[in-house]
Amino acid sequence: MEGNPIRNVFISNLTVQYLGGLTMKDYEEQRGRNTFFSSRNENTYPEPSAHGIQPAWGWSLQHIEGIEFRNIKMTLMTPDERPQLFQKDVKNLVMKP
């Protein structure tokens, strides 16, 4: 959460296949209708549904200081308009093959 960043994360040797199939419009329009998202607070964190549709089909990173991905493979089952990676308030992101 803002003001309480996650620090020093290392993720390696991970393969993830995502369903995909969403558009940027799906992401943009869900915020006003999604009661979980609009009522998000510390009592619902880290319940995934509290965050609604994410701005990326892969990793949505926010409020992180130091994160490294190594040997990460991400694929889509269905094309998706959103980017693979979204980051906001992220410091020291490292991505290695």
C-alpha atoms as a PDB file:
ATOM      1  CA  MET A   1       0.000   0.000   0.000  1.00  0.00           C
ATOM      2  CA  GLU A   2       1.105   3.586  -0.491  1.00  0.00           C
ATOM      3  CA  GLY A   3       3.499   4.642   2.240  1.00  0.00           C
ATOM      4  CA  ASN A   4       4.328   1.010   3.068  1.00  0.00           C
ATOM      5  CA  PRO A   5       6.356  -0.294   0.117  1.00  0.00           C
ATOM      6  CA  ILE A   6       7.265  -3.900  -0.401  1.00  0.00           C
ATOM      7  CA  ARG A   7      11.064  -4.210  -0.288  1.00  0.00           C
ATOM      8  CA  ASN A   8      13.725  -6.505  -1.736  1.00  0.00           C
ATOM      9  CA  VAL A   9      11.772  -9.162  -3.638  1.00  0.00           C
ATOM     10  CA  PHE A  10      13.434 -11.821  -5.804  1.00  0.00           C
ATOM     11  CA  ILE A  11      11.304 -14.027  -8.078  1.00  0.00           C
ATOM     12  CA  SER A  12      12.971 -16.643 -10.267  1.00  0.00           C
ATOM     13  CA  ASN A  13      12.273 -19.688 -12.428  1.00  0.00           C
ATOM     14  CA  LEU A  14       8.553 -19.075 -12.826  1.00  0.00           C
ATOM     15  CA  THR A  15       6.283 -19.914 -15.757  1.00  0.00           C
ATOM     16  CA  VAL A  16       2.770 -18.438 -15.778  1.00  0.00           C
ATOM     17  CA  GLN A  17       0.055 -18.750 -18.415  1.00  0.00           C
ATOM     18  CA  TYR A  18      -2.649 -16.079 -18.233  1.00  0.00           C
ATOM     19  CA  LEU A  19      -6.180 -16.357 -19.609  1.00  0.00           C
ATOM     20  CA  GLY A  20      -6.075 -12.851 -21.153  1.00  0.00           C
ATOM     21  CA  GLY A  21      -8.870 -11.660 -23.419  1.00  0.00           C
ATOM     22  CA  LEU A  22      -9.413  -8.206 -21.895  1.00  0.00           C
ATOM     23  CA  THR A  23      -9.210  -4.737 -23.396  1.00  0.00           C
ATOM     24  CA  MET A  24      -8.022  -1.440 -21.980  1.00  0.00           C
ATOM     25  CA  LYS A  25     -11.687  -0.399 -21.969  1.00  0.00           C
ATOM     26  CA  ASP A  26     -12.466  -3.331 -19.637  1.00  0.00           C
ATOM     27  CA  TYR A  27      -9.829  -2.024 -17.249  1.00  0.00           C
ATOM     28  CA  GLU A  28     -10.839   1.649 -17.507  1.00  0.00           C
ATOM     29  CA  GLU A  29     -14.584   1.125 -17.100  1.00  0.00           C
ATOM     30  CA  GLN A  30     -14.544  -1.328 -14.202  1.00  0.00           C
ATOM     31  CA  ARG A  31     -13.385   1.153 -11.552  1.00  0.00           C
ATOM     32  CA  GLY A  32     -16.664   3.025 -11.213  1.00  0.00           C
ATOM     33  CA  ARG A  33     -18.779  -0.152 -11.107  1.00  0.00           C
ATOM     34  CA  ASN A  34     -16.592  -2.450  -9.032  1.00  0.00           C
ATOM     35  CA  THR A  35     -17.710  -2.075  -5.424  1.00  0.00           C
ATOM     36  CA  PHE A  36     -14.641  -3.950  -4.199  1.00  0.00           C
ATOM     37  CA  PHE A  37     -12.330  -1.437  -5.874  1.00  0.00           C
ATOM     38  CA  SER A  38     -14.218   1.697  -4.883  1.00  0.00           C
ATOM     39  CA  SER A  39     -14.490   0.583  -1.258  1.00  0.00           C
ATOM     40  CA  ARG A  40     -10.910  -0.681  -0.991  1.00  0.00           C
ATOM     41  CA  ASN A  41      -9.336  -0.057   2.378  1.00  0.00           C
ATOM     42  CA  GLU A  42      -6.884  -1.649   4.753  1.00  0.00           C
ATOM     43  CA  ASN A  43      -9.551  -4.061   6.030  1.00  0.00           C
ATOM     44  CA  THR A  44      -9.871  -5.766   2.626  1.00  0.00           C
ATOM     45  CA  TYR A  45      -6.152  -5.831   1.734  1.00  0.00           C
ATOM     46  CA  PRO A  46      -4.727  -8.144   0.334  1.00  0.00           C
ATOM     47  CA  GLU A  47      -7.966  -9.711  -0.977  1.00  0.00           C
ATOM     48  CA  PRO A  48      -7.296  -9.867  -4.771  1.00  0.00           C
ATOM     49  CA  SER A  49     -10.856  -8.979  -5.775  1.00  0.00           C
ATOM     50  CA  ALA A  50     -10.492  -5.697  -3.852  1.00  0.00           C
ATOM     51  CA  HIS A  51      -8.197  -4.468  -6.608  1.00  0.00           C
ATOM     52  CA  GLY A  52     -10.458  -5.106  -9.597  1.00  0.00           C
ATOM     53  CA  ILE A  53      -9.171  -5.650 -13.125  1.00  0.00           C
ATOM     54  CA  GLN A  54      -5.480  -4.822 -13.258  1.00  0.00           C
ATOM     55  CA  PRO A  55      -3.882  -2.439 -15.798  1.00  0.00           C
ATOM     56  CA  ALA A  56      -1.563  -5.206 -17.064  1.00  0.00           C
ATOM     57  CA  TRP A  57      -2.186  -8.800 -18.042  1.00  0.00           C
ATOM     58  CA  GLY A  58       1.020  -9.924 -16.309  1.00  0.00           C
ATOM     59  CA  TRP A  59       2.534  -8.026 -13.398  1.00  0.00           C
ATOM     60  CA  SER A  60       0.962  -4.901 -11.879  1.00  0.00           C
ATOM     61  CA  LEU A  61       3.614  -3.493  -9.575  1.00  0.00           C
ATOM     62  CA  GLN A  62       2.982  -0.643  -7.164  1.00  0.00           C
ATOM     63  CA  HIS A  63       4.862   0.726  -4.170  1.00  0.00           C
ATOM     64  CA  ILE A  64       7.936  -1.496  -4.395  1.00  0.00           C
ATOM     65  CA  GLU A  65      11.564  -0.754  -3.556  1.00  0.00           C
ATOM     66  CA  GLY A  66      13.824  -3.396  -5.076  1.00  0.00           C
ATOM     67  CA  ILE A  67      12.399  -6.227  -7.136  1.00  0.00           C
ATOM     68  CA  GLU A  68      14.230  -8.640  -9.418  1.00  0.00           C
ATOM     69  CA  PHE A  69      12.724 -11.086 -11.899  1.00  0.00           C
ATOM     70  CA  ARG A  70      14.990 -13.804 -13.268  1.00  0.00           C
ATOM     71  CA  ASN A  71      14.003 -16.506 -15.785  1.00  0.00           C
ATOM     72  CA  ILE A  72      10.311 -15.555 -15.815  1.00  0.00           C
ATOM     73  CA  LYS A  73       8.145 -16.786 -18.699  1.00  0.00           C
ATOM     74  CA  MET A  74       4.654 -15.338 -19.166  1.00  0.00           C
ATOM     75  CA  THR A  75       2.264 -16.291 -21.954  1.00  0.00           C
ATOM     76  CA  LEU A  76      -1.330 -15.514 -22.901  1.00  0.00           C
ATOM     77  CA  MET A  77      -4.002 -18.038 -23.847  1.00  0.00           C
ATOM     78  CA  THR A  78      -6.015 -15.278 -25.579  1.00  0.00           C
ATOM     79  CA  PRO A  79      -4.736 -11.920 -26.920  1.00  0.00           C
ATOM     80  CA  ASP A  80      -5.054  -9.070 -24.425  1.00  0.00           C
ATOM     81  CA  GLU A  81      -4.803  -5.308 -25.103  1.00  0.00           C
ATOM     82  CA  ARG A  82      -3.258  -4.463 -21.741  1.00  0.00           C
ATOM     83  CA  PRO A  83       0.529  -4.328 -21.427  1.00  0.00           C
ATOM     84  CA  GLN A  84       2.471  -7.196 -19.920  1.00  0.00           C
ATOM     85  CA  LEU A  85       3.861  -4.981 -17.136  1.00  0.00           C
ATOM     86  CA  PHE A  86       2.480  -1.960 -15.268  1.00  0.00           C
ATOM     87  CA  GLN A  87       4.519  -0.105 -12.691  1.00  0.00           C
ATOM     88  CA  LYS A  88       3.759   2.819 -10.395  1.00  0.00           C
ATOM     89  CA  ASP A  89       6.057   3.992  -7.609  1.00  0.00           C
ATOM     90  CA  VAL A  90       8.590   1.230  -8.330  1.00  0.00           C
ATOM     91  CA  LYS A  91      12.292   1.698  -7.594  1.00  0.00           C
ATOM     92  CA  ASN A  92      15.099  -0.651  -8.661  1.00  0.00           C
ATOM     93  CA  LEU A  93      13.244  -3.056 -10.973  1.00  0.00           C
ATOM     94  CA  VAL A  94      15.598  -5.622 -12.543  1.00  0.00           C
ATOM     95  CA  MET A  95      14.546  -8.121 -15.212  1.00  0.00           C
ATOM     96  CA  LYS A  96      17.080 -10.771 -16.255  1.00  0.00           C
ATOM     97  CA  PRO A  97      16.715 -13.696 -18.664  1.00  0.00           C
END
